[in-house]
Amino acid sequence: MIELYIDGASAGNPGPSGAGVFIKNGDQSQKHAIPLGIMSNHEAEYEALIHGLTLCLPYRKQIISCRTDSQAVFGAVEKRFIKNKRYLNYFEQMIPLLDQYDLFFIKWIPSKENHVADELARKAVFYK
């Protein structure tokens, strides 16, 4: 099973933003701090999911267990529905990616349990 932890961060809302993606595959792991430019925190959270899904494509035949501390991202994936049409473009990017996975699960976790992805996202905000 592949464990995927994702988080987005912004310094301002909107402001400089970053995505953190932490992938655990047994005793191996990958850490990605991805600068995103100026956007809102919610946009950064969706970007983190899209980057995570893209980075995990080589594992799409395995079980992917994704963890996020974003209620919005969790709800959009779980229900395959997005309330706020402002984020429709992200939704339209994530659905075809999700459909490529044989078994993809998402779970909401408290921020304190997502510290590695959070640290990566914050690092990406100030990456120069």
C-alpha atoms as a PDB file:
ATOM      1  CA  MET A   1       0.000   0.000   0.000  1.00  0.00           C
ATOM      2  CA  ILE A   2       1.170   3.499  -0.864  1.00  0.00           C
ATOM      3  CA  GLU A   3       0.543   6.220   1.704  1.00  0.00           C
ATOM      4  CA  LEU A   4       0.110   9.701   0.253  1.00  0.00           C
ATOM      5  CA  TYR A   5       0.069  12.748   2.539  1.00  0.00           C
ATOM      6  CA  ILE A   6      -0.789  16.107   0.980  1.00  0.00           C
ATOM      7  CA  ASP A   7      -1.028  19.688   2.211  1.00  0.00           C
ATOM      8  CA  GLY A   8      -1.206  23.187   0.819  1.00  0.00           C
ATOM      9  CA  ALA A   9      -0.060  26.420   2.439  1.00  0.00           C
ATOM     10  CA  SER A  10      -0.311  30.125   1.686  1.00  0.00           C
ATOM     11  CA  ALA A  11       1.355  33.172   3.195  1.00  0.00           C
ATOM     12  CA  GLY A  12      -1.712  35.374   2.839  1.00  0.00           C
ATOM     13  CA  ASN A  13      -5.030  34.557   1.311  1.00  0.00           C
ATOM     14  CA  PRO A  14      -4.214  34.922  -1.527  1.00  0.00           C
ATOM     15  CA  GLY A  15      -0.464  34.970  -1.252  1.00  0.00           C
ATOM     16  CA  PRO A  16       2.675  33.011  -2.108  1.00  0.00           C
ATOM     17  CA  SER A  17       1.718  29.350  -1.874  1.00  0.00           C
ATOM     18  CA  GLY A  18       3.172  25.868  -1.865  1.00  0.00           C
ATOM     19  CA  ALA A  19       2.177  22.221  -1.930  1.00  0.00           C
ATOM     20  CA  GLY A  20       3.654  19.461   0.174  1.00  0.00           C
ATOM     21  CA  VAL A  21       3.507  15.858  -1.004  1.00  0.00           C
ATOM     22  CA  PHE A  22       4.868  13.006   1.096  1.00  0.00           C
ATOM     23  CA  ILE A  23       4.731   9.495  -0.380  1.00  0.00           C
ATOM     24  CA  LYS A  24       5.514   6.420   1.724  1.00  0.00           C
ATOM     25  CA  ASN A  25       6.085   3.103  -0.022  1.00  0.00           C
ATOM     26  CA  GLY A  26       7.092   0.615   2.651  1.00  0.00           C
ATOM     27  CA  ASP A  27      10.456   1.740   3.980  1.00  0.00           C
ATOM     28  CA  GLN A  28      11.019   4.146   1.078  1.00  0.00           C
ATOM     29  CA  SER A  29       9.669   7.673   0.900  1.00  0.00           C
ATOM     30  CA  GLN A  30       9.573  10.709  -1.367  1.00  0.00           C
ATOM     31  CA  LYS A  31       9.237  14.312  -0.231  1.00  0.00           C
ATOM     32  CA  HIS A  32       8.160  17.085  -2.580  1.00  0.00           C
ATOM     33  CA  ALA A  33       7.986  20.808  -1.767  1.00  0.00           C
ATOM     34  CA  ILE A  34       6.306  22.450  -4.762  1.00  0.00           C
ATOM     35  CA  PRO A  35       6.142  26.270  -5.118  1.00  0.00           C
ATOM     36  CA  LEU A  36       2.796  27.316  -6.602  1.00  0.00           C
ATOM     37  CA  GLY A  37       2.855  31.088  -6.955  1.00  0.00           C
ATOM     38  CA  ILE A  38       0.102  33.413  -5.732  1.00  0.00           C
ATOM     39  CA  MET A  39      -3.164  31.713  -4.783  1.00  0.00           C
ATOM     40  CA  SER A  40      -5.541  31.054  -1.901  1.00  0.00           C
ATOM     41  CA  ASN A  41      -5.024  28.374   0.715  1.00  0.00           C
ATOM     42  CA  HIS A  42      -7.894  26.281  -0.692  1.00  0.00           C
ATOM     43  CA  GLU A  43      -6.372  26.466  -4.166  1.00  0.00           C
ATOM     44  CA  ALA A  44      -3.037  25.313  -2.721  1.00  0.00           C
ATOM     45  CA  GLU A  45      -4.787  22.348  -1.065  1.00  0.00           C
ATOM     46  CA  TYR A  46      -6.320  21.286  -4.397  1.00  0.00           C
ATOM     47  CA  GLU A  47      -2.978  21.763  -6.145  1.00  0.00           C
ATOM     48  CA  ALA A  48      -1.363  19.495  -3.551  1.00  0.00           C
ATOM     49  CA  LEU A  49      -3.889  16.773  -4.353  1.00  0.00           C
ATOM     50  CA  ILE A  50      -3.333  17.115  -8.101  1.00  0.00           C
ATOM     51  CA  HIS A  51       0.453  16.973  -7.687  1.00  0.00           C
ATOM     52  CA  GLY A  52       0.137  13.993  -5.347  1.00  0.00           C
ATOM     53  CA  LEU A  53      -2.104  12.123  -7.766  1.00  0.00           C
ATOM     54  CA  THR A  54       0.302  12.844 -10.613  1.00  0.00           C
ATOM     55  CA  LEU A  55       3.352  11.751  -8.624  1.00  0.00           C
ATOM     56  CA  CYS A  56       1.632   8.491  -7.631  1.00  0.00           C
ATOM     57  CA  LEU A  57       0.648   7.495 -11.181  1.00  0.00           C
ATOM     58  CA  PRO A  58       3.455   4.896 -11.354  1.00  0.00           C
ATOM     59  CA  TYR A  59       1.698   3.160  -8.425  1.00  0.00           C
ATOM     60  CA  ARG A  60      -1.844   3.338  -9.861  1.00  0.00           C
ATOM     61  CA  LYS A  61      -2.278  -0.462  -9.794  1.00  0.00           C
ATOM     62  CA  GLN A  62      -1.572  -0.516  -6.040  1.00  0.00           C
ATOM     63  CA  ILE A  63      -3.744   0.617  -3.151  1.00  0.00           C
ATOM     64  CA  ILE A  64      -3.292   4.350  -2.559  1.00  0.00           C
ATOM     65  CA  SER A  65      -4.279   5.667   0.851  1.00  0.00           C
ATOM     66  CA  CYS A  66      -4.331   9.470   0.786  1.00  0.00           C
ATOM     67  CA  ARG A  67      -4.422  11.652   3.903  1.00  0.00           C
ATOM     68  CA  THR A  68      -5.310  15.338   3.971  1.00  0.00           C
ATOM     69  CA  ASP A  69      -6.203  17.871   6.642  1.00  0.00           C
ATOM     70  CA  SER A  70      -8.375  19.794   4.160  1.00  0.00           C
ATOM     71  CA  GLN A  71     -12.100  19.197   4.647  1.00  0.00           C
ATOM     72  CA  ALA A  72     -12.763  20.739   1.214  1.00  0.00           C
ATOM     73  CA  VAL A  73     -10.411  18.385  -0.626  1.00  0.00           C
ATOM     74  CA  PHE A  74     -11.598  15.380   1.370  1.00  0.00           C
ATOM     75  CA  GLY A  75     -15.242  16.166   0.605  1.00  0.00           C
ATOM     76  CA  ALA A  76     -14.628  16.817  -3.095  1.00  0.00           C
ATOM     77  CA  VAL A  77     -12.876  13.459  -3.540  1.00  0.00           C
ATOM     78  CA  GLU A  78     -15.193  11.471  -1.288  1.00  0.00           C
ATOM     79  CA  LYS A  79     -18.419  12.823  -2.823  1.00  0.00           C
ATOM     80  CA  ARG A  80     -17.026  13.547  -6.302  1.00  0.00           C
ATOM     81  CA  PHE A  81     -18.755  16.864  -6.001  1.00  0.00           C
ATOM     82  CA  ILE A  82     -17.567  20.402  -5.431  1.00  0.00           C
ATOM     83  CA  LYS A  83     -19.731  23.007  -3.711  1.00  0.00           C
ATOM     84  CA  ASN A  84     -17.785  26.129  -4.526  1.00  0.00           C
ATOM     85  CA  LYS A  85     -17.646  26.568  -8.289  1.00  0.00           C
ATOM     86  CA  ARG A  86     -14.571  28.771  -7.828  1.00  0.00           C
ATOM     87  CA  TYR A  87     -12.586  25.527  -7.584  1.00  0.00           C
ATOM     88  CA  LEU A  88     -14.254  23.778 -10.524  1.00  0.00           C
ATOM     89  CA  ASN A  89     -11.074  23.837 -12.622  1.00  0.00           C
ATOM     90  CA  TYR A  90      -9.244  21.857  -9.911  1.00  0.00           C
ATOM     91  CA  PHE A  91     -12.129  19.401  -9.684  1.00  0.00           C
ATOM     92  CA  GLU A  92     -12.028  18.898 -13.444  1.00  0.00           C
ATOM     93  CA  GLN A  93      -8.299  18.125 -13.231  1.00  0.00           C
ATOM     94  CA  MET A  94      -8.563  15.710 -10.312  1.00  0.00           C
ATOM     95  CA  ILE A  95     -11.422  13.500 -11.561  1.00  0.00           C
ATOM     96  CA  PRO A  96      -9.562  12.074 -14.612  1.00  0.00           C
ATOM     97  CA  LEU A  97      -6.528  11.475 -12.387  1.00  0.00           C
ATOM     98  CA  LEU A  98      -8.610   9.679  -9.749  1.00  0.00           C
ATOM     99  CA  ASP A  99     -10.182   7.515 -12.449  1.00  0.00           C
ATOM    100  CA  GLN A 100      -6.744   6.129 -13.349  1.00  0.00           C
ATOM    101  CA  TYR A 101      -6.369   4.420  -9.966  1.00  0.00           C
ATOM    102  CA  ASP A 102      -7.613   0.904  -9.262  1.00  0.00           C
ATOM    103  CA  LEU A 103      -8.006   1.546  -5.512  1.00  0.00           C
ATOM    104  CA  PHE A 104      -7.788   5.073  -4.121  1.00  0.00           C
ATOM    105  CA  PHE A 105      -8.955   5.991  -0.642  1.00  0.00           C
ATOM    106  CA  ILE A 106      -8.873   9.366   1.055  1.00  0.00           C
ATOM    107  CA  LYS A 107      -9.073  10.107   4.757  1.00  0.00           C
ATOM    108  CA  TRP A 108      -9.307  13.390   6.618  1.00  0.00           C
ATOM    109  CA  ILE A 109      -6.762  13.717   9.419  1.00  0.00           C
ATOM    110  CA  PRO A 110      -6.067  16.503  11.929  1.00  0.00           C
ATOM    111  CA  SER A 111      -3.270  18.917  11.013  1.00  0.00           C
ATOM    112  CA  LYS A 112      -1.054  17.561  13.787  1.00  0.00           C
ATOM    113  CA  GLU A 113      -0.985  14.178  12.001  1.00  0.00           C
ATOM    114  CA  ASN A 114       0.024  15.770   8.692  1.00  0.00           C
ATOM    115  CA  HIS A 115       3.203  17.476   9.866  1.00  0.00           C
ATOM    116  CA  VAL A 116       5.561  16.192   7.131  1.00  0.00           C
ATOM    117  CA  ALA A 117       3.352  17.372   4.245  1.00  0.00           C
ATOM    118  CA  ASP A 118       2.666  20.625   6.120  1.00  0.00           C
ATOM    119  CA  GLU A 119       6.382  21.264   6.586  1.00  0.00           C
ATOM    120  CA  LEU A 120       7.003  20.614   2.882  1.00  0.00           C
ATOM    121  CA  ALA A 121       4.174  22.954   1.846  1.00  0.00           C
ATOM    122  CA  ARG A 122       5.461  25.737   4.113  1.00  0.00           C
ATOM    123  CA  LYS A 123       8.989  25.231   2.776  1.00  0.00           C
ATOM    124  CA  ALA A 124       7.662  25.584  -0.787  1.00  0.00           C
ATOM    125  CA  VAL A 125       5.934  28.895   0.048  1.00  0.00           C
ATOM    126  CA  PHE A 126       9.286  30.524   0.712  1.00  0.00           C
ATOM    127  CA  TYR A 127      11.348  28.574  -1.840  1.00  0.00           C
ATOM    128  CA  LYS A 128      13.502  30.873  -3.941  1.00  0.00           C
END
